[in-house]
N, C-alpha and C. Protein backbone atom coordinates (compact mmCIF):
# COMPACT_ATOMS: atom_id res chain seq x y z
N MET A 1 64.22 47.87 215.01
CA MET A 1 65.20 48.81 214.49
C MET A 1 66.65 48.34 214.69
N ARG A 2 67.01 47.77 215.71
CA ARG A 2 68.43 47.29 215.83
C ARG A 2 68.78 46.29 214.99
N TYR A 3 67.73 45.57 214.53
CA TYR A 3 68.04 44.45 213.56
C TYR A 3 68.40 45.05 212.18
N ALA A 4 67.54 45.95 211.70
CA ALA A 4 68.04 46.95 210.69
C ALA A 4 69.18 47.52 210.54
N ILE A 5 69.60 48.24 211.52
CA ILE A 5 70.57 49.01 211.73
C ILE A 5 71.92 47.79 211.69
N THR A 6 71.92 46.62 212.54
CA THR A 6 72.83 45.55 212.42
C THR A 6 72.99 45.02 210.82
N TRP A 7 71.70 44.74 210.25
CA TRP A 7 71.94 44.30 209.06
C TRP A 7 72.54 45.35 208.03
N ILE A 8 72.40 46.50 208.08
CA ILE A 8 73.05 47.62 207.29
C ILE A 8 74.61 47.64 207.50
N ILE A 9 74.91 47.49 208.95
CA ILE A 9 76.31 47.61 209.23
C ILE A 9 77.15 46.25 208.76
N LEU A 10 76.46 45.27 208.63
CA LEU A 10 77.04 43.79 208.27
C LEU A 10 77.28 43.75 206.74
N ALA A 11 76.20 44.51 206.03
CA ALA A 11 76.19 44.24 204.63
C ALA A 11 77.25 45.31 204.22
N VAL A 12 77.27 46.53 204.82
CA VAL A 12 78.43 47.35 204.37
C VAL A 12 79.76 46.82 204.59
N GLY A 13 79.77 46.46 205.88
CA GLY A 13 81.22 45.60 206.18
C GLY A 13 81.70 44.39 205.23
N ILE A 14 80.75 43.61 205.14
CA ILE A 14 80.80 42.51 204.08
C ILE A 14 81.37 43.07 202.63
N ALA A 15 80.44 44.08 202.25
CA ALA A 15 80.73 44.63 200.71
C ALA A 15 82.13 45.20 200.81
N ILE A 16 82.48 46.05 201.85
CA ILE A 16 83.90 46.72 201.71
C ILE A 16 84.93 45.56 201.99
N GLY A 17 84.59 44.52 202.76
CA GLY A 17 85.63 43.43 203.02
C GLY A 17 85.89 42.74 201.77
N ILE A 18 84.88 42.29 201.27
CA ILE A 18 85.13 41.34 200.02
C ILE A 18 85.40 42.24 198.75
N GLY A 19 84.68 43.19 198.64
CA GLY A 19 85.03 43.98 197.42
C GLY A 19 86.41 44.48 197.39
N SER A 20 87.08 44.85 198.53
CA SER A 20 88.47 45.39 198.44
C SER A 20 89.52 44.24 197.88
N VAL A 21 89.13 42.95 197.98
CA VAL A 21 89.95 41.82 197.49
C VAL A 21 90.12 42.11 196.17
N ASN A 22 89.19 41.87 195.19
CA ASN A 22 89.30 41.85 193.61
C ASN A 22 88.50 42.97 193.07
N TRP A 23 87.52 43.61 193.62
CA TRP A 23 86.64 44.38 193.12
C TRP A 23 87.52 45.71 192.58
N THR A 24 88.06 46.30 193.68
CA THR A 24 88.86 47.61 193.32
C THR A 24 89.76 47.42 192.22
N PHE A 25 90.43 46.24 192.27
CA PHE A 25 91.46 46.06 191.13
C PHE A 25 90.82 45.85 189.81
N LEU A 26 89.82 45.17 189.67
CA LEU A 26 89.00 44.98 188.58
C LEU A 26 88.47 46.24 187.89
N ARG A 27 87.85 47.08 188.81
CA ARG A 27 87.31 48.24 188.49
C ARG A 27 88.41 49.25 187.92
N ARG A 28 89.79 49.24 188.43
CA ARG A 28 90.60 49.99 187.84
C ARG A 28 91.04 49.61 186.26
N ILE A 29 91.32 48.27 186.06
CA ILE A 29 91.51 47.60 184.88
C ILE A 29 90.61 47.86 184.01
N ALA A 30 89.07 47.80 184.29
CA ALA A 30 88.12 47.98 183.60
C ALA A 30 87.98 49.32 182.99
N ASP A 31 88.38 50.45 184.04
CA ASP A 31 88.20 51.84 183.70
C ASP A 31 89.35 52.24 182.71
N ARG A 32 90.62 51.97 183.09
CA ARG A 32 91.73 52.53 182.32
C ARG A 32 92.68 51.41 181.72
N GLY A 33 92.21 50.14 181.70
CA GLY A 33 93.17 49.13 181.22
C GLY A 33 93.35 49.34 179.53
N VAL A 34 94.41 48.95 179.19
CA VAL A 34 94.79 49.00 177.79
C VAL A 34 94.99 47.61 177.43
N ARG A 35 94.37 47.27 176.25
CA ARG A 35 94.45 46.01 175.70
C ARG A 35 95.84 45.61 175.05
N GLY A 36 96.19 44.31 175.26
CA GLY A 36 97.50 44.08 174.96
C GLY A 36 97.33 42.49 174.38
N GLU A 37 98.54 41.84 174.14
CA GLU A 37 98.67 40.60 173.77
C GLU A 37 99.80 39.98 174.63
N ALA A 38 99.49 38.77 175.07
CA ALA A 38 100.30 37.89 175.88
C ALA A 38 100.39 36.45 175.30
N THR A 39 101.50 35.92 175.73
CA THR A 39 101.74 34.41 175.26
C THR A 39 101.53 33.50 176.30
N VAL A 40 100.89 32.30 175.95
CA VAL A 40 100.74 31.28 176.97
C VAL A 40 101.81 30.66 177.31
N ILE A 41 102.41 30.65 178.53
CA ILE A 41 103.59 29.79 178.98
C ILE A 41 103.31 28.68 179.86
N GLY A 42 102.30 28.58 180.15
CA GLY A 42 101.85 27.28 181.13
C GLY A 42 100.57 27.04 181.10
N LEU A 43 100.09 25.85 181.35
CA LEU A 43 98.66 25.41 181.22
C LEU A 43 98.51 24.50 182.39
N PHE A 44 97.60 24.78 183.40
CA PHE A 44 97.34 23.88 184.49
C PHE A 44 96.01 23.58 184.71
N PRO A 45 95.52 22.48 183.88
CA PRO A 45 94.14 22.16 183.96
C PRO A 45 93.65 21.50 185.37
N LYS A 46 94.62 21.08 186.06
CA LYS A 46 94.35 20.34 187.33
C LYS A 46 94.12 21.60 188.60
N SER A 47 94.78 22.78 188.02
CA SER A 47 94.63 23.75 189.06
C SER A 47 93.63 25.01 188.50
N HIS A 48 92.46 24.53 188.76
CA HIS A 48 91.20 25.28 188.31
C HIS A 48 91.27 25.88 186.81
N ASN A 49 91.73 24.98 186.11
CA ASN A 49 91.81 25.47 184.59
C ASN A 49 92.64 26.68 184.27
N THR A 50 93.64 27.01 185.15
CA THR A 50 94.36 28.23 185.16
C THR A 50 95.47 28.18 184.15
N LEU A 51 95.99 29.33 183.62
CA LEU A 51 97.13 29.44 182.45
C LEU A 51 97.99 30.34 182.92
N ARG A 52 99.24 30.19 182.73
CA ARG A 52 100.12 31.41 182.95
C ARG A 52 100.59 31.86 181.73
N TYR A 53 100.84 33.21 181.49
CA TYR A 53 100.86 34.03 180.47
C TYR A 53 101.96 35.10 180.82
N GLU A 54 102.51 35.45 179.57
CA GLU A 54 103.70 36.48 179.67
C GLU A 54 103.36 37.53 178.76
N TYR A 55 103.70 38.89 179.08
CA TYR A 55 103.56 39.98 178.23
C TYR A 55 104.64 41.06 178.37
N HIS A 56 104.69 41.96 177.45
CA HIS A 56 105.74 42.89 177.38
C HIS A 56 105.10 44.30 177.46
N VAL A 57 105.76 45.17 178.16
CA VAL A 57 105.06 46.58 178.33
C VAL A 57 106.39 47.40 178.29
N ALA A 58 106.61 48.34 177.27
CA ALA A 58 107.73 49.22 177.58
C ALA A 58 108.99 48.58 177.85
N GLY A 59 109.33 47.48 177.31
CA GLY A 59 110.54 46.83 177.37
C GLY A 59 110.82 46.07 178.57
N SER A 60 109.79 45.89 179.53
CA SER A 60 109.66 45.13 180.53
C SER A 60 108.76 43.93 180.49
N SER A 61 109.06 42.79 181.09
CA SER A 61 108.39 41.67 181.03
C SER A 61 107.51 41.45 182.18
N PHE A 62 106.20 40.81 181.99
CA PHE A 62 105.41 40.71 183.06
C PHE A 62 104.76 39.35 182.97
N GLN A 63 104.22 38.79 184.00
CA GLN A 63 103.46 37.47 183.95
C GLN A 63 102.34 37.34 185.01
N GLY A 64 101.30 36.56 184.35
CA GLY A 64 100.01 36.53 185.25
C GLY A 64 99.43 35.27 185.02
N GLN A 65 98.67 34.77 186.00
CA GLN A 65 98.11 33.36 185.97
C GLN A 65 96.80 33.47 186.47
N THR A 66 95.82 33.02 185.70
CA THR A 66 94.38 33.05 185.86
C THR A 66 93.87 32.04 184.92
N GLN A 67 92.38 32.12 185.12
CA GLN A 67 91.63 31.23 184.04
C GLN A 67 91.39 31.97 182.81
N SER A 68 91.20 31.24 181.75
CA SER A 68 91.03 31.98 180.39
C SER A 68 89.54 32.42 180.23
N ARG A 69 89.37 33.75 179.91
CA ARG A 69 88.11 34.71 179.73
C ARG A 69 87.92 35.01 178.48
N ALA A 70 86.70 35.26 177.91
CA ALA A 70 86.61 35.81 176.74
C ALA A 70 87.07 37.21 176.42
N PRO A 71 87.71 37.48 175.34
CA PRO A 71 87.62 36.84 173.92
C PRO A 71 88.37 35.69 173.82
N ASN A 72 89.16 35.24 174.82
CA ASN A 72 90.20 34.08 174.70
C ASN A 72 89.33 32.67 174.52
N ARG A 73 90.05 31.80 174.02
CA ARG A 73 89.54 30.32 173.92
C ARG A 73 89.57 29.89 175.53
N PRO A 74 88.71 28.77 175.51
CA PRO A 74 88.89 27.67 176.92
C PRO A 74 90.27 27.12 176.96
N LEU A 75 90.71 27.03 178.13
CA LEU A 75 92.02 26.31 178.35
C LEU A 75 92.22 25.11 177.35
N GLU A 76 91.19 24.15 177.24
CA GLU A 76 91.35 23.06 176.58
C GLU A 76 91.67 23.27 175.10
N GLN A 77 91.41 24.35 174.69
CA GLN A 77 91.74 24.86 173.20
C GLN A 77 93.05 25.69 173.11
N LEU A 78 93.80 25.76 174.14
CA LEU A 78 95.11 26.61 174.00
C LEU A 78 95.99 25.72 174.24
N ALA A 79 97.27 26.24 173.54
CA ALA A 79 98.51 25.47 173.91
C ALA A 79 99.51 26.65 174.02
N ILE A 80 100.66 26.09 174.68
CA ILE A 80 101.86 27.03 175.02
C ILE A 80 102.31 27.50 173.66
N GLY A 81 102.52 28.98 173.92
CA GLY A 81 103.23 29.74 172.74
C GLY A 81 102.16 30.55 171.87
N GLN A 82 100.75 30.24 172.26
CA GLN A 82 99.69 30.92 171.56
C GLN A 82 99.43 32.41 172.20
N PRO A 83 99.00 33.06 171.40
CA PRO A 83 98.77 34.48 171.94
C PRO A 83 97.43 34.43 172.53
N VAL A 84 97.18 35.28 173.61
CA VAL A 84 96.07 35.55 174.30
C VAL A 84 95.62 36.98 174.53
N VAL A 85 94.53 37.47 174.67
CA VAL A 85 94.36 38.93 174.77
C VAL A 85 94.23 39.11 176.32
N ILE A 86 94.95 40.09 176.78
CA ILE A 86 94.97 40.59 178.09
C ILE A 86 94.57 42.13 178.21
N TYR A 87 94.38 42.65 179.21
CA TYR A 87 94.30 44.12 179.49
C TYR A 87 95.04 44.26 180.92
N TYR A 88 95.82 45.42 180.79
CA TYR A 88 96.84 45.84 181.83
C TYR A 88 96.75 47.42 182.17
N ASP A 89 96.93 47.72 183.34
CA ASP A 89 96.93 48.91 183.83
C ASP A 89 98.05 49.81 183.40
N PRO A 90 97.96 50.58 182.40
CA PRO A 90 99.30 51.43 182.10
C PRO A 90 100.07 52.19 183.10
N GLU A 91 99.57 52.47 184.10
CA GLU A 91 100.17 53.10 185.29
C GLU A 91 100.73 52.17 186.43
N LYS A 92 100.35 50.76 186.20
CA LYS A 92 100.84 49.65 186.94
C LYS A 92 100.74 48.52 185.92
N PRO A 93 101.77 48.35 184.98
CA PRO A 93 101.52 47.27 184.02
C PRO A 93 101.88 45.79 184.72
N GLU A 94 102.53 45.82 185.75
CA GLU A 94 102.31 44.45 186.23
C GLU A 94 101.08 44.00 186.64
N ASP A 95 100.18 44.98 186.69
CA ASP A 95 98.65 44.53 187.00
C ASP A 95 97.75 44.23 185.84
N SER A 96 97.30 42.93 185.56
CA SER A 96 96.64 42.53 184.30
C SER A 96 95.53 41.63 184.47
N VAL A 97 94.74 41.43 183.54
CA VAL A 97 93.69 40.41 183.46
C VAL A 97 93.64 39.63 182.20
N LEU A 98 93.39 38.50 182.27
CA LEU A 98 93.46 37.68 180.93
C LEU A 98 91.89 37.72 180.28
N GLY A 99 91.61 38.41 179.28
CA GLY A 99 90.45 38.74 178.74
C GLY A 99 89.74 40.01 179.19
N ASP A 100 88.44 40.35 178.62
CA ASP A 100 87.91 41.66 178.90
C ASP A 100 87.51 41.76 180.25
N PRO A 101 88.04 42.87 181.02
CA PRO A 101 87.75 43.02 182.35
C PRO A 101 86.19 43.47 182.76
N LYS A 102 85.47 43.90 181.76
CA LYS A 102 84.20 44.50 181.98
C LYS A 102 83.22 43.35 182.30
N PRO A 103 83.05 42.21 181.71
CA PRO A 103 82.47 41.18 182.37
C PRO A 103 82.92 40.41 183.56
N ILE A 104 84.16 40.45 183.66
CA ILE A 104 84.84 39.95 184.94
C ILE A 104 84.26 40.77 185.93
N LEU A 105 84.43 42.23 185.95
CA LEU A 105 83.90 43.08 186.96
C LEU A 105 82.43 42.90 187.21
N GLN A 106 81.86 42.60 186.13
CA GLN A 106 80.08 42.56 186.37
C GLN A 106 79.95 41.40 187.01
N ASN A 107 80.80 40.33 186.91
CA ASN A 107 80.30 39.03 187.68
C ASN A 107 81.04 39.27 189.34
N GLU A 108 82.03 39.84 189.32
CA GLU A 108 82.72 40.24 190.79
C GLU A 108 81.57 41.06 191.42
N THR A 109 81.12 42.14 190.94
CA THR A 109 80.04 42.97 191.54
C THR A 109 78.67 42.12 191.93
N ILE A 110 78.21 41.27 191.04
CA ILE A 110 77.14 40.27 191.48
C ILE A 110 77.50 39.65 192.83
N SER A 111 78.67 39.00 192.69
CA SER A 111 79.22 38.07 193.85
C SER A 111 79.21 38.81 195.08
N VAL A 112 79.95 40.13 195.10
CA VAL A 112 79.96 41.06 196.25
C VAL A 112 78.53 41.34 196.73
N LEU A 113 77.64 41.63 195.91
CA LEU A 113 76.29 42.04 196.31
C LEU A 113 75.45 41.04 196.82
N LEU A 114 75.60 39.89 196.32
CA LEU A 114 75.00 38.80 196.86
C LEU A 114 75.50 38.47 198.27
N ALA A 115 76.68 38.38 198.25
CA ALA A 115 77.52 38.04 199.74
C ALA A 115 76.94 38.96 200.61
N ALA A 116 76.92 40.43 200.36
CA ALA A 116 76.71 41.55 201.16
C ALA A 116 75.04 41.54 201.54
N THR A 117 74.32 40.83 200.71
CA THR A 117 72.87 40.64 201.13
C THR A 117 72.59 39.33 201.80
N ILE A 118 73.04 38.42 201.23
CA ILE A 118 72.74 37.02 201.91
C ILE A 118 73.23 36.83 203.35
N VAL A 119 74.59 37.07 203.65
CA VAL A 119 75.24 36.97 204.95
C VAL A 119 74.60 37.59 205.88
N PRO A 120 74.54 38.88 205.64
CA PRO A 120 73.68 39.66 206.78
C PRO A 120 72.31 39.25 206.99
N THR A 121 71.46 38.76 206.13
CA THR A 121 70.32 38.34 206.23
C THR A 121 70.12 37.24 207.22
N PHE A 122 71.04 36.13 206.70
CA PHE A 122 71.25 34.94 207.61
C PHE A 122 71.59 35.34 209.07
N ILE A 123 72.52 35.97 209.17
CA ILE A 123 72.98 36.49 210.77
C ILE A 123 71.76 37.10 211.46
N VAL A 124 71.09 37.94 210.86
CA VAL A 124 70.01 38.61 211.53
C VAL A 124 68.98 37.69 211.69
N VAL A 125 68.63 36.63 210.74
CA VAL A 125 67.39 35.80 210.98
C VAL A 125 67.70 35.15 212.26
N VAL A 126 68.80 34.45 212.26
CA VAL A 126 69.41 33.64 213.44
C VAL A 126 69.35 34.28 214.49
N TRP A 127 69.92 35.64 214.66
CA TRP A 127 69.82 36.50 215.70
C TRP A 127 68.47 36.56 216.29
N THR A 128 67.59 36.99 215.32
CA THR A 128 65.98 37.23 215.67
C THR A 128 65.36 36.29 216.33
N ARG A 129 65.74 34.90 215.68
CA ARG A 129 65.00 33.67 216.38
C ARG A 129 65.59 33.34 217.59
N ARG A 130 66.87 33.39 217.78
CA ARG A 130 67.45 33.18 219.14
C ARG A 130 66.62 34.09 220.10
N THR A 131 66.66 35.42 219.82
CA THR A 131 66.23 36.27 220.73
C THR A 131 64.64 36.12 221.08
N SER A 132 63.93 35.66 220.15
CA SER A 132 62.60 35.41 220.27
C SER A 132 62.54 34.19 221.11
N ARG A 133 63.03 33.06 220.88
CA ARG A 133 63.30 32.15 221.86
C ARG A 133 63.46 32.27 223.25
N LYS A 134 64.55 33.15 223.27
CA LYS A 134 64.91 33.50 224.73
C LYS A 134 63.84 34.32 225.45
N LYS A 135 63.11 35.06 224.79
CA LYS A 135 62.11 35.92 225.40
C LYS A 135 60.84 35.08 225.71
N ALA A 136 60.61 33.97 224.84
CA ALA A 136 59.55 33.09 225.26
C ALA A 136 59.69 32.18 226.36
N ILE A 137 61.01 31.84 226.51
CA ILE A 137 61.45 30.92 227.57
C ILE A 137 61.29 31.81 229.05
N GLN A 138 61.83 32.96 228.88
CA GLN A 138 61.64 33.93 230.01
C GLN A 138 60.26 34.19 230.37
N ALA A 139 59.43 34.38 229.41
CA ALA A 139 58.09 34.66 229.62
C ALA A 139 57.34 33.30 230.28
N GLN A 140 57.77 32.39 229.89
CA GLN A 140 57.23 31.06 230.56
C GLN A 140 57.64 30.91 231.86
N ALA A 141 58.79 31.27 232.14
CA ALA A 141 59.45 31.01 233.57
C ALA A 141 58.78 32.11 234.58
N ALA A 142 58.31 33.08 234.01
CA ALA A 142 57.86 34.36 234.77
C ALA A 142 56.58 34.06 235.34
């Protein structure tokens, strides 16, 4: 029973910890994001194929940097000055993603769930084996 409780606590802690990094941000953009257009202002193929983009909302200029995602073309097919599709939060227009946020959120959800499943399982399995070995050694000594 204590292993199950430990696994649950670890899984929830990891999901909250990892999910709070990007998941909540992506969920907000996926839920209320507004489609917009940005302009490519920098290409960085040696830095995880990222690009820098600039967009304007209500007379203010904002920038972002990330990998190109659908419906945009891959970095190799883009050039400085080309338009790309972004989604931004109308309440916080400085927050944006390059491409459709829904598949990005889906990918992030899968990653968080996998981490919240695999890591606690590994920890509990190691803990269980060490406990079993310790009990076996103690039984032999008695």
